[in-house]
């Protein structure tokens, strides 16, 4: 069975006849989340407006459940696709339940009279977003996070097959970001809807998405799974980073390493070195780090923040060559910081480094 709910075919989008993004082709299936990422002003919102018929495409076609979007009556479109954009909804006095129930208007006819079934669907939508306690509250008095939950409940109330969201986590604190995205995951899994959204938070996009589309220049430069997209080198290229780096393991950007000649050597491993690397970076102290296996928890952060990381191959004990390289770098330093509470078979030579530092009279912390 063909479960493609939304498909774009060589879509070109822009304003006033001027193309911004060209030849956009992608498909989103039932139960999938596609996330648009890319620099500010790249055109993510323009794409979302074009696939939701808020903006007329300059070329190409958008298909919803196999039918051209332009051929769908407005009521049928509203029953099939829900849209949650970034602009704030300003209302006169309305209870939150009134806002949610307005999502049923595509089904009520011209008079907008709600049936008992409509009201039950609205109550269920409120329950899905954990908003029951807000039902009688004035929508204007809500926090940004609460507003987003109510507006999401309104979109759910439309019972869509496709849900479009433009930066739904903007202006939300981490609690509300996680709550909103968890609701989306539950909707996708339980109701088999397709979700297309844009996000600035790359760590959330990496965790949430089934597919990621990267908007860069005048095109979608790459589409793939998070594992295919979120590599340090590619993200740095996509966002044209000229300062710092991107940690593909943690899904976070990293500041550049401190400038200068290192006079500090850090013996780390197992995650114990990470707070030390960050403290040294904040204080502007350049440092060497080692010896770290390339699969160690410390390794990505050390690689981003240290002047040099002396490393060993994954799953191998620290060998003689790595030990000698570390000893050479440590000899150039005045201070040695040891983050390891204990040593085992794999990092035994790091204990030898520590003993060597003491014999050399280094300042050991």
Protein backbone atom coordinates (compact mmCIF):
# COMPACT_ATOMS: atom_id res chain seq x y z
CA UNK A 1 0.00 0.00 0.00
CA UNK A 2 1.29 3.47 -0.89
CA UNK A 3 1.49 5.34 2.42
CA UNK A 4 3.02 8.56 1.05
CA UNK A 5 0.88 11.37 2.47
CA UNK A 6 2.81 14.39 1.21
CA UNK A 7 4.98 14.62 -1.92
CA UNK A 8 6.61 17.56 -3.67
CA UNK A 9 7.67 17.29 -7.30
CA UNK A 10 10.30 19.76 -8.53
CA UNK A 11 8.79 22.52 -6.44
CA UNK A 12 10.19 26.04 -6.76
CA UNK A 13 9.23 28.57 -4.08
CA UNK A 14 9.77 32.28 -3.58
CA UNK A 15 8.14 35.68 -3.51
CA UNK A 16 6.93 38.09 -6.21
CA UNK A 17 8.07 35.80 -8.98
CA UNK A 18 11.64 35.54 -7.67
CA UNK A 19 12.76 31.98 -6.91
CA UNK A 20 14.29 31.36 -3.51
CA UNK A 21 14.52 27.54 -3.39
CA UNK A 22 14.38 25.44 -6.55
CA UNK A 23 13.59 21.84 -7.50
CA UNK A 24 12.32 20.65 -4.11
CA UNK A 25 11.42 16.97 -4.28
CA UNK A 26 10.71 14.86 -1.22
CA UNK A 27 8.11 12.45 0.18
CA UNK A 28 6.79 12.00 3.70
CA UNK A 29 5.05 8.77 4.66
CA UNK A 30 2.49 8.03 7.32
CA UNK A 31 4.26 7.80 10.68
CA UNK A 32 7.26 9.87 9.59
CA UNK A 33 8.72 13.16 10.79
CA UNK A 34 10.64 15.28 8.27
CA UNK A 35 12.57 18.21 9.72
CA UNK A 36 13.90 21.17 7.76
CA UNK A 37 17.17 22.62 9.04
CA UNK A 38 19.48 25.29 7.69
CA UNK A 39 20.72 28.82 8.36
CA UNK A 40 18.43 31.71 9.27
CA UNK A 41 16.81 33.13 6.17
CA UNK A 42 17.51 30.02 4.11
CA UNK A 43 13.85 29.60 3.16
CA UNK A 44 12.52 26.95 5.55
CA UNK A 45 9.38 28.94 6.38
CA UNK A 46 8.83 29.69 2.70
CA UNK A 47 8.86 25.97 1.91
CA UNK A 48 6.36 25.25 4.69
CA UNK A 49 4.05 28.02 3.52
CA UNK A 50 4.21 26.70 -0.04
CA UNK A 51 3.41 23.09 0.85
CA UNK A 52 0.47 24.25 2.99
CA UNK A 53 -1.03 26.51 0.27
CA UNK A 54 -0.38 29.71 2.19
CA UNK A 55 1.99 30.74 -0.60
CA UNK A 56 1.62 29.86 -4.28
CA UNK A 57 4.62 27.90 -5.64
CA UNK A 58 6.45 29.37 -8.62
CA UNK A 59 6.78 25.96 -10.26
CA UNK A 60 6.23 22.28 -9.54
CA UNK A 61 3.47 20.49 -7.67
CA UNK A 62 2.57 19.54 -4.11
CA UNK A 63 0.59 16.32 -3.74
CA UNK A 64 -1.50 15.54 -0.66
CA UNK A 65 -2.59 11.91 -0.51
CA UNK A 66 -1.82 11.65 -4.21
CA UNK A 67 -3.91 14.67 -5.24
CA UNK A 68 -2.50 18.00 -6.37
CA UNK A 69 -2.85 20.51 -3.55
CA UNK A 70 -4.29 23.16 -5.86
CA UNK A 71 -7.17 20.87 -6.79
CA UNK A 72 -8.36 20.25 -3.23
CA UNK A 73 -11.34 22.25 -1.95
CA UNK A 74 -10.40 24.40 1.03
CA UNK A 75 -12.59 22.41 3.40
CA UNK A 76 -11.04 19.11 2.36
CA UNK A 77 -7.58 20.61 2.77
CA UNK A 78 -8.46 21.78 6.28
CA UNK A 79 -9.69 18.29 7.14
CA UNK A 80 -6.46 16.72 5.91
CA UNK A 81 -3.71 19.19 6.87
CA UNK A 82 -3.16 21.21 10.06
CA UNK A 83 -0.75 24.14 10.20
CA UNK A 84 1.00 25.71 13.19
CA UNK A 85 3.16 28.66 12.14
CA UNK A 86 5.39 30.95 14.20
CA UNK A 87 3.19 34.03 14.31
CA UNK A 88 1.37 34.54 17.61
CA UNK A 89 -2.38 34.04 17.58
CA UNK A 90 -4.02 37.14 19.05
CA UNK A 91 -7.61 36.68 20.17
CA UNK A 92 -10.34 38.55 21.94
CA UNK A 93 -11.34 36.92 25.20
CA UNK A 94 -11.47 33.18 24.49
CA UNK A 95 -11.13 30.24 26.77
CA UNK A 96 -8.54 27.70 25.79
CA UNK A 97 -11.26 25.15 25.09
CA UNK A 98 -12.81 27.65 22.63
CA UNK A 99 -9.49 27.91 20.77
CA UNK A 100 -9.17 24.12 20.62
CA UNK A 101 -12.76 23.63 19.48
CA UNK A 102 -12.20 26.05 16.59
CA UNK A 103 -10.18 23.22 15.06
CA UNK A 104 -13.50 21.46 14.41
CA UNK A 105 -14.86 24.18 12.12
CA UNK A 106 -13.82 22.37 8.92
CA UNK A 107 -16.36 19.71 9.94
CA UNK A 108 -19.25 21.80 11.31
CA UNK A 109 -20.63 23.51 8.22
CA UNK A 110 -21.35 27.20 7.79
CA UNK A 111 -23.10 27.69 11.11
CA UNK A 112 -20.16 26.35 13.11
CA UNK A 113 -22.39 24.43 15.51
CA UNK A 114 -20.42 21.82 17.45
CA UNK A 115 -21.88 18.38 18.05
CA UNK A 116 -21.21 16.26 21.11
CA UNK A 117 -18.69 14.28 19.03
CA UNK A 118 -16.88 17.52 18.12
CA UNK A 119 -16.64 18.50 21.79
CA UNK A 120 -15.38 15.05 22.74
CA UNK A 121 -12.68 15.26 20.05
CA UNK A 122 -11.63 18.66 21.41
CA UNK A 123 -11.43 17.27 24.94
CA UNK A 124 -9.31 14.36 23.70
CA UNK A 125 -6.98 16.79 21.91
CA UNK A 126 -6.57 18.73 25.14
CA UNK A 127 -5.79 15.51 26.97
CA UNK A 128 -3.14 14.56 24.42
CA UNK A 129 -1.26 17.81 25.08
CA UNK A 130 -1.78 17.56 28.87
CA UNK A 131 -3.85 20.74 28.78
CA UNK A 132 -7.02 19.71 30.61
CA UNK A 133 -6.27 22.10 33.49
CA UNK A 134 -6.06 24.99 31.02
CA UNK A 135 -9.47 24.45 29.42
CA UNK A 136 -11.25 27.36 31.16
CA UNK A 137 -8.26 29.72 31.23
CA UNK A 138 -8.13 32.91 29.14
CA UNK A 139 -5.90 32.07 26.19
CA UNK A 140 -4.33 35.55 26.30
CA UNK A 141 -3.03 34.95 29.82
CA UNK A 142 -1.03 31.82 29.01
CA UNK A 143 2.73 31.47 28.87
CA UNK A 144 4.36 30.79 25.50
CA UNK A 145 4.72 27.12 26.32
CA UNK A 146 1.09 26.79 27.34
CA UNK A 147 -0.03 28.63 24.21
CA UNK A 148 1.93 26.25 22.02
CA UNK A 149 0.28 23.27 23.67
CA UNK A 150 -3.20 24.76 23.14
CA UNK A 151 -2.48 25.59 19.51
CA UNK A 152 -1.14 22.09 18.98
CA UNK A 153 -4.36 20.74 20.51
CA UNK A 154 -6.31 22.90 18.02
CA UNK A 155 -4.27 21.40 15.16
CA UNK A 156 -4.84 17.88 16.50
CA UNK A 157 -8.55 18.65 16.79
CA UNK A 158 -8.69 18.94 13.00
CA UNK A 159 -7.80 15.23 12.85
CA UNK A 160 -5.20 15.83 10.13
CA UNK A 161 -3.26 13.31 8.09
CA UNK A 162 -0.42 15.84 7.73
CA UNK A 163 0.78 18.33 10.35
CA UNK A 164 2.95 21.32 9.38
CA UNK A 165 4.84 23.24 12.10
CA UNK A 166 7.19 26.18 11.70
CA UNK A 167 9.75 26.40 14.51
CA UNK A 168 7.31 25.12 17.15
CA UNK A 169 9.99 25.17 19.89
CA UNK A 170 10.98 28.83 19.44
CA UNK A 171 10.76 30.84 22.67
CA UNK A 172 10.06 27.70 24.73
CA UNK A 173 12.18 26.60 27.65
CA UNK A 174 13.61 23.09 27.66
CA UNK A 175 10.69 21.61 29.61
CA UNK A 176 8.10 22.75 27.09
CA UNK A 177 10.35 21.90 24.14
CA UNK A 178 10.62 18.31 25.28
CA UNK A 179 6.93 18.04 26.15
CA UNK A 180 5.85 19.35 22.75
CA UNK A 181 8.19 17.10 20.79
CA UNK A 182 7.20 14.06 22.84
CA UNK A 183 3.56 14.80 21.98
CA UNK A 184 4.50 14.89 18.29
CA UNK A 185 6.23 11.52 18.58
CA UNK A 186 3.17 10.00 20.23
CA UNK A 187 0.90 11.39 17.51
CA UNK A 188 3.09 9.98 14.78
CA UNK A 189 3.20 6.55 16.38
CA UNK A 190 -0.42 6.25 17.50
CA UNK A 191 -2.25 8.08 14.71
CA UNK A 192 0.19 7.48 11.85
CA UNK A 193 0.17 11.09 10.74
CA UNK A 194 3.01 12.69 8.77
CA UNK A 195 4.78 15.69 10.32
CA UNK A 196 6.84 18.31 8.49
CA UNK A 197 8.49 20.95 10.65
CA UNK A 198 11.42 23.31 10.87
CA UNK A 199 13.77 23.48 13.85
CA UNK A 200 16.74 25.58 14.87
CA UNK A 201 17.72 23.24 17.73
CA UNK A 202 19.93 20.70 15.99
CA UNK A 203 20.16 18.41 19.00
CA UNK A 204 16.36 18.10 19.05
CA UNK A 205 16.19 17.62 15.28
CA UNK A 206 18.75 14.83 15.55
CA UNK A 207 16.73 13.04 18.22
CA UNK A 208 13.24 13.61 16.81
CA UNK A 209 13.45 13.19 13.04
CA UNK A 210 13.08 10.24 10.73
CA UNK A 211 14.31 12.35 7.81
CA UNK A 212 16.18 15.64 7.71
CA UNK A 213 16.16 18.07 4.77
CA UNK A 214 18.98 20.61 4.67
CA UNK A 215 18.16 23.98 3.09
CA UNK A 216 21.27 25.74 1.79
CA UNK A 217 21.68 28.27 -0.95
CA UNK A 218 18.92 27.96 -3.53
CA UNK A 219 18.14 24.29 -2.96
CA UNK A 220 17.62 21.46 -0.55
CA UNK A 221 21.23 20.38 -0.47
CA UNK A 222 20.79 17.00 1.19
CA UNK A 223 18.01 14.75 2.53
CA UNK A 224 18.73 11.75 4.72
CA UNK A 225 18.42 10.11 8.10
CA UNK A 226 19.89 11.86 11.14
CA UNK A 227 22.86 9.48 11.06
CA UNK A 228 23.56 10.55 7.48
CA UNK A 229 23.12 14.27 8.08
CA UNK A 230 24.55 15.04 11.49
CA UNK A 231 28.27 14.80 11.00
CA UNK A 232 30.57 17.50 12.27
CA UNK A 233 32.05 18.37 8.90
CA UNK A 234 28.71 18.58 7.08
CA UNK A 235 26.90 20.65 9.71
CA UNK A 236 29.84 23.07 9.79
CA UNK A 237 29.54 23.38 6.00
CA UNK A 238 25.75 23.73 6.02
CA UNK A 239 25.84 26.60 8.50
CA UNK A 240 29.06 28.05 7.06
CA UNK A 241 30.66 27.99 10.49
CA UNK A 242 33.82 30.08 10.76
CA UNK A 243 34.24 29.76 14.54
CA UNK A 244 34.25 26.65 16.68
CA UNK A 245 32.98 23.22 15.65
CA UNK A 246 29.96 20.92 15.81
CA UNK A 247 29.93 17.82 18.03
CA UNK A 248 27.92 15.23 16.11
CA UNK A 249 27.84 12.87 19.12
CA UNK A 250 26.17 15.34 21.48
CA UNK A 251 24.42 17.30 18.74
CA UNK A 252 25.80 20.58 20.04
CA UNK A 253 28.15 23.34 18.86
CA UNK A 254 31.49 23.81 20.57
CA UNK A 255 33.49 26.99 21.06
CA UNK A 256 37.02 27.07 19.60
CA UNK A 257 39.98 25.91 21.71
CA UNK A 258 41.88 28.58 23.66
CA UNK A 259 44.74 30.19 21.77
CA UNK A 260 48.33 29.94 22.87
CA UNK A 261 50.99 27.36 23.69
CA UNK A 262 49.69 24.72 26.14
CA UNK A 263 51.32 24.49 29.54
CA UNK A 264 48.71 22.10 30.94
CA UNK A 265 48.23 18.40 30.24
CA UNK A 266 44.95 16.68 31.17
CA UNK A 267 44.80 12.93 31.82
CA UNK A 268 41.14 12.02 31.38
CA UNK A 269 38.77 9.32 30.28
CA UNK A 270 35.32 7.89 30.83
CA UNK A 271 33.65 11.31 30.81
CA UNK A 272 35.62 12.57 33.82
CA UNK A 273 37.65 14.98 31.74
CA UNK A 274 34.74 16.84 30.12
CA UNK A 275 34.06 19.35 32.95
CA UNK A 276 37.80 20.02 33.19
CA UNK A 277 38.12 20.67 29.44
CA UNK A 278 35.19 23.08 29.62
CA UNK A 279 36.58 24.88 32.67
CA UNK A 280 39.94 25.34 30.99
CA UNK A 281 38.24 26.61 27.83
CA UNK A 282 36.18 29.12 29.83
CA UNK A 283 39.34 30.35 31.58
CA UNK A 284 41.23 30.63 28.29
CA UNK A 285 43.84 28.02 29.25
CA UNK A 286 45.21 26.02 26.29
CA UNK A 287 45.85 22.36 27.06
CA UNK A 288 46.76 18.93 25.74
CA UNK A 289 44.57 15.90 26.46
CA UNK A 290 45.36 12.19 26.49
CA UNK A 291 45.66 9.37 26.20
CA UNK A 292 42.06 8.83 25.07
CA UNK A 293 40.62 5.94 23.05
CA UNK A 294 38.76 7.27 20.03
CA UNK A 295 35.50 5.81 21.38
CA UNK A 296 35.90 7.34 24.85
CA UNK A 297 33.20 9.67 26.21
CA UNK A 298 35.82 12.38 26.62
CA UNK A 299 37.14 12.18 23.07
CA UNK A 300 34.65 14.40 21.11
CA UNK A 301 34.86 17.25 23.63
CA UNK A 302 38.63 16.96 23.94
CA UNK A 303 38.99 16.98 20.16
CA UNK A 304 36.95 20.21 20.00
CA UNK A 305 38.60 22.08 22.88
CA UNK A 306 42.18 20.80 23.28
CA UNK A 307 45.16 22.09 21.32
CA UNK A 308 45.94 18.41 20.63
CA UNK A 309 44.47 15.08 21.69
CA UNK A 310 46.79 12.12 22.00
CA UNK A 311 44.54 9.20 21.15
CA UNK A 312 44.51 5.44 20.81
CA UNK A 313 42.41 3.27 18.53
CA UNK A 314 39.00 2.24 19.85
CA UNK A 315 38.89 -0.89 22.03
CA UNK A 316 42.70 -1.02 22.26
CA UNK A 317 44.79 -0.54 25.41
CA UNK A 318 47.01 2.54 25.44
CA UNK A 319 50.06 1.52 23.44
CA UNK A 320 53.71 2.53 23.60
CA UNK A 321 53.57 4.99 20.69
CA UNK A 322 50.64 6.90 22.21
CA UNK A 323 52.32 6.83 25.64
CA UNK A 324 55.56 8.28 24.26
CA UNK A 325 53.70 11.01 22.36
CA UNK A 326 51.79 11.93 25.52
CA UNK A 327 54.99 11.91 27.58
CA UNK A 328 56.59 14.24 25.04
CA UNK A 329 53.71 16.71 25.23
CA UNK A 330 53.55 16.45 29.03
CA UNK A 331 57.26 17.32 29.24
CA UNK A 332 56.41 20.69 27.66
CA UNK A 333 53.83 21.43 30.36
CA UNK A 334 54.06 22.84 33.86
CA UNK A 335 50.78 21.44 35.20
CA UNK A 336 49.20 17.99 34.92
CA UNK A 337 45.55 17.50 35.81
CA UNK A 338 44.45 13.92 36.41
CA UNK A 339 40.70 13.34 36.19
CA UNK A 340 40.82 9.56 36.66
CA UNK A 341 39.81 8.12 40.02
CA UNK A 342 41.08 4.67 39.02
CA UNK A 343 42.98 2.90 36.25
CA UNK A 344 42.27 -0.40 34.56
CA UNK A 345 43.75 -2.65 31.92
CA UNK A 346 42.93 -0.39 28.97
CA UNK A 347 44.29 2.85 30.42
CA UNK A 348 47.11 1.49 32.58
CA UNK A 349 49.68 3.59 30.72
CA UNK A 350 47.82 6.72 31.81
CA UNK A 351 48.71 5.77 35.38
CA UNK A 352 52.32 5.56 34.21
CA UNK A 353 51.95 9.08 32.80
CA UNK A 354 50.74 10.30 36.18
CA UNK A 355 53.67 8.68 37.99
CA UNK A 356 56.07 10.14 35.43
CA UNK A 357 54.63 13.61 36.03
CA UNK A 358 55.23 13.26 39.77
CA UNK A 359 58.79 12.08 39.24
CA UNK A 360 59.43 15.10 37.02
CA UNK A 361 58.15 17.43 39.72
CA UNK A 362 55.18 18.64 37.73
CA UNK A 363 52.37 20.45 39.51
CA UNK A 364 49.80 17.64 39.68
CA UNK A 365 46.14 18.46 40.37
